[in-house]
C-alpha atoms as a PDB file:
ATOM      1  CA  UNK A   1      25.436 148.131 155.908  1.00  0.00           C
ATOM      2  CA  UNK A   2      28.712 147.660 154.062  1.00  0.00           C
ATOM      3  CA  UNK A   3      27.831 150.543 151.738  1.00  0.00           C
ATOM      4  CA  UNK A   4      27.213 152.835 154.718  1.00  0.00           C
ATOM      5  CA  UNK A   5      30.602 151.934 156.181  1.00  0.00           C
ATOM      6  CA  UNK A   6      32.250 152.534 152.800  1.00  0.00           C
ATOM      7  CA  UNK A   7      30.648 155.972 152.588  1.00  0.00           C
ATOM      8  CA  UNK A   8      31.955 156.798 156.063  1.00  0.00           C
ATOM      9  CA  UNK A   9      35.470 155.677 155.127  1.00  0.00           C
ATOM     10  CA  UNK A  10      35.357 157.686 151.888  1.00  0.00           C
ATOM     11  CA  UNK A  11      34.172 160.779 153.787  1.00  0.00           C
ATOM     12  CA  UNK A  12      36.996 160.374 156.306  1.00  0.00           C
ATOM     13  CA  UNK A  13      39.529 159.938 153.509  1.00  0.00           C
ATOM     14  CA  UNK A  14      38.285 163.030 151.662  1.00  0.00           C
ATOM     15  CA  UNK A  15      38.150 165.155 154.806  1.00  0.00           C
ATOM     16  CA  UNK A  16      41.717 164.163 155.705  1.00  0.00           C
ATOM     17  CA  UNK A  17      42.824 165.064 152.165  1.00  0.00           C
ATOM     18  CA  UNK A  18      41.079 168.434 152.411  1.00  0.00           C
ATOM     19  CA  UNK A  19      42.695 169.063 155.802  1.00  0.00           C
ATOM     20  CA  UNK A  20      46.140 168.287 154.387  1.00  0.00           C
ATOM     21  CA  UNK A  21      45.455 170.573 151.419  1.00  0.00           C
ATOM     22  CA  UNK A  22      44.385 173.408 153.737  1.00  0.00           C
ATOM     23  CA  UNK A  23      47.483 172.949 155.900  1.00  0.00           C
ATOM     24  CA  UNK A  24      49.637 172.833 152.786  1.00  0.00           C
ATOM     25  CA  UNK A  25      48.218 176.162 151.626  1.00  0.00           C
ATOM     26  CA  UNK A  26      48.145 177.945 154.995  1.00  0.00           C
ATOM     27  CA  UNK A  27      51.647 176.985 156.171  1.00  0.00           C
ATOM     28  CA  UNK A  28      53.651 178.776 153.435  1.00  0.00           C
ATOM     29  CA  UNK A  29      51.409 181.826 153.759  1.00  0.00           C
ATOM     30  CA  UNK A  30      52.035 181.875 157.520  1.00  0.00           C
ATOM     31  CA  UNK A  31      55.781 181.586 156.978  1.00  0.00           C
ATOM     32  CA  UNK A  32      55.709 184.511 154.537  1.00  0.00           C
ATOM     33  CA  UNK A  33      53.707 186.627 157.009  1.00  0.00           C
ATOM     34  CA  UNK A  34      56.138 185.884 159.848  1.00  0.00           C
ATOM     35  CA  UNK A  35      59.142 186.666 157.641  1.00  0.00           C
ATOM     36  CA  UNK A  36      57.484 189.898 156.527  1.00  0.00           C
ATOM     37  CA  UNK A  37      56.852 190.889 160.141  1.00  0.00           C
ATOM     38  CA  UNK A  38      60.470 190.128 161.030  1.00  0.00           C
ATOM     39  CA  UNK A  39      61.641 192.270 158.102  1.00  0.00           C
ATOM     40  CA  UNK A  40      59.448 195.159 159.241  1.00  0.00           C
ATOM     41  CA  UNK A  41      60.717 194.859 162.821  1.00  0.00           C
ATOM     42  CA  UNK A  42      64.331 194.822 161.640  1.00  0.00           C
ATOM     43  CA  UNK A  43      63.759 197.934 159.497  1.00  0.00           C
ATOM     44  CA  UNK A  44      61.272 199.669 161.786  1.00  0.00           C
ATOM     45  CA  UNK A  45      62.689 203.154 161.252  1.00  0.00           C
ATOM     46  CA  UNK A  46      62.035 202.967 157.510  1.00  0.00           C
ATOM     47  CA  UNK A  47      58.463 201.748 158.046  1.00  0.00           C
ATOM     48  CA  UNK A  48      57.650 204.398 160.679  1.00  0.00           C
ATOM     49  CA  UNK A  49      55.653 206.671 158.355  1.00  0.00           C
ATOM     50  CA  UNK A  50      53.749 203.790 156.761  1.00  0.00           C
ATOM     51  CA  UNK A  51      52.801 202.390 160.165  1.00  0.00           C
ATOM     52  CA  UNK A  52      51.681 205.852 161.336  1.00  0.00           C
ATOM     53  CA  UNK A  53      49.520 206.303 158.228  1.00  0.00           C
ATOM     54  CA  UNK A  54      47.932 202.878 158.716  1.00  0.00           C
ATOM     55  CA  UNK A  55      47.237 203.684 162.381  1.00  0.00           C
ATOM     56  CA  UNK A  56      45.673 207.014 161.400  1.00  0.00           C
ATOM     57  CA  UNK A  57      43.426 205.413 158.779  1.00  0.00           C
ATOM     58  CA  UNK A  58      42.436 202.627 161.175  1.00  0.00           C
ATOM     59  CA  UNK A  59      41.562 205.130 163.902  1.00  0.00           C
ATOM     60  CA  UNK A  60      39.471 207.257 161.550  1.00  0.00           C
ATOM     61  CA  UNK A  61      37.604 204.266 160.167  1.00  0.00           C
ATOM     62  CA  UNK A  62      36.835 202.682 163.546  1.00  0.00           C
ATOM     63  CA  UNK A  63      35.811 205.955 165.182  1.00  0.00           C
ATOM     64  CA  UNK A  64      33.798 206.917 162.098  1.00  0.00           C
ATOM     65  CA  UNK A  65      31.941 203.604 162.119  1.00  0.00           C
ATOM     66  CA  UNK A  66      31.086 204.090 165.795  1.00  0.00           C
ATOM     67  CA  UNK A  67      29.869 207.650 165.213  1.00  0.00           C
ATOM     68  CA  UNK A  68      27.817 206.540 162.205  1.00  0.00           C
ATOM     69  CA  UNK A  69      26.241 203.759 164.250  1.00  0.00           C
ATOM     70  CA  UNK A  70      25.361 206.177 167.043  1.00  0.00           C
ATOM     71  CA  UNK A  71      23.800 208.665 164.603  1.00  0.00           C
ATOM     72  CA  UNK A  72      21.718 205.916 162.985  1.00  0.00           C
ATOM     73  CA  UNK A  73      20.656 204.719 166.435  1.00  0.00           C
ATOM     74  CA  UNK A  74      19.573 208.244 167.385  1.00  0.00           C
ATOM     75  CA  UNK A  75      17.568 208.483 164.153  1.00  0.00           C
ATOM     76  CA  UNK A  76      15.850 205.127 164.695  1.00  0.00           C
ATOM     77  CA  UNK A  77      14.955 205.933 168.278  1.00  0.00           C
ATOM     78  CA  UNK A  78      13.558 209.310 167.163  1.00  0.00           C
ATOM     79  CA  UNK A  79      15.527 211.305 169.708  1.00  0.00           C
ATOM     80  CA  UNK A  80      13.997 214.784 169.564  1.00  0.00           C
ATOM     81  CA  UNK A  81      17.175 216.866 169.681  1.00  0.00           C
ATOM     82  CA  UNK A  82      18.755 214.750 166.962  1.00  0.00           C
ATOM     83  CA  UNK A  83      15.716 215.032 164.706  1.00  0.00           C
ATOM     84  CA  UNK A  84      15.709 218.830 165.096  1.00  0.00           C
ATOM     85  CA  UNK A  85      19.437 219.309 164.529  1.00  0.00           C
ATOM     86  CA  UNK A  86      20.658 216.481 162.289  1.00  0.00           C
ATOM     87  CA  UNK A  87      23.215 218.650 160.473  1.00  0.00           C
ATOM     88  CA  UNK A  88      24.731 219.885 163.733  1.00  0.00           C
ATOM     89  CA  UNK A  89      24.853 216.355 165.114  1.00  0.00           C
ATOM     90  CA  UNK A  90      26.791 215.272 162.025  1.00  0.00           C
ATOM     91  CA  UNK A  91      29.214 218.193 162.396  1.00  0.00           C
ATOM     92  CA  UNK A  92      29.761 217.397 166.087  1.00  0.00           C
ATOM     93  CA  UNK A  93      30.277 213.694 165.339  1.00  0.00           C
ATOM     94  CA  UNK A  94      32.802 214.531 162.611  1.00  0.00           C
ATOM     95  CA  UNK A  95      34.675 216.856 164.969  1.00  0.00           C
ATOM     96  CA  UNK A  96      34.706 214.274 167.745  1.00  0.00           C
ATOM     97  CA  UNK A  97      36.058 211.623 165.356  1.00  0.00           C
ATOM     98  CA  UNK A  98      38.712 213.815 163.716  1.00  0.00           C
ATOM     99  CA  UNK A  99      40.060 215.779 166.696  1.00  0.00           C
ATOM    100  CA  UNK A 100      41.568 212.954 168.816  1.00  0.00           C
ATOM    101  CA  UNK A 101      43.064 211.412 165.708  1.00  0.00           C
ATOM    102  CA  UNK A 102      44.731 214.676 164.700  1.00  0.00           C
ATOM    103  CA  UNK A 103      46.013 215.251 168.231  1.00  0.00           C
ATOM    104  CA  UNK A 104      47.512 211.765 168.335  1.00  0.00           C
ATOM    105  CA  UNK A 105      49.205 212.327 164.972  1.00  0.00           C
ATOM    106  CA  UNK A 106      50.570 215.690 166.164  1.00  0.00           C
ATOM    107  CA  UNK A 107      51.866 214.105 169.363  1.00  0.00           C
ATOM    108  CA  UNK A 108      53.693 211.451 167.325  1.00  0.00           C
ATOM    109  CA  UNK A 109      55.330 214.150 165.209  1.00  0.00           C
ATOM    110  CA  UNK A 110      56.483 216.059 168.323  1.00  0.00           C
ATOM    111  CA  UNK A 111      58.623 213.142 169.517  1.00  0.00           C
END
């Protein structure tokens, strides 16, 4: 019985030490992230192109993943029109993914 209680106390001690270690690691990283965000906000004009490029890449990746998922779903479900025209479906999906992204980038440049 005493050994069981000792194990429980040791586990509590170790878990509290691990929690303090995690907080000690995460806190400085969080402070650096917040300071970096404040620096970017203060110098937003200089970061404009970098932010636009990141937004463009993010949009292409997310829309591309969705289109890829839909094409795989159509292939698994054996949708007849997809099975007959797989190349055209890929071309259409690529166009649908790329066109809104390019229009958004062009609209940003028009401002």
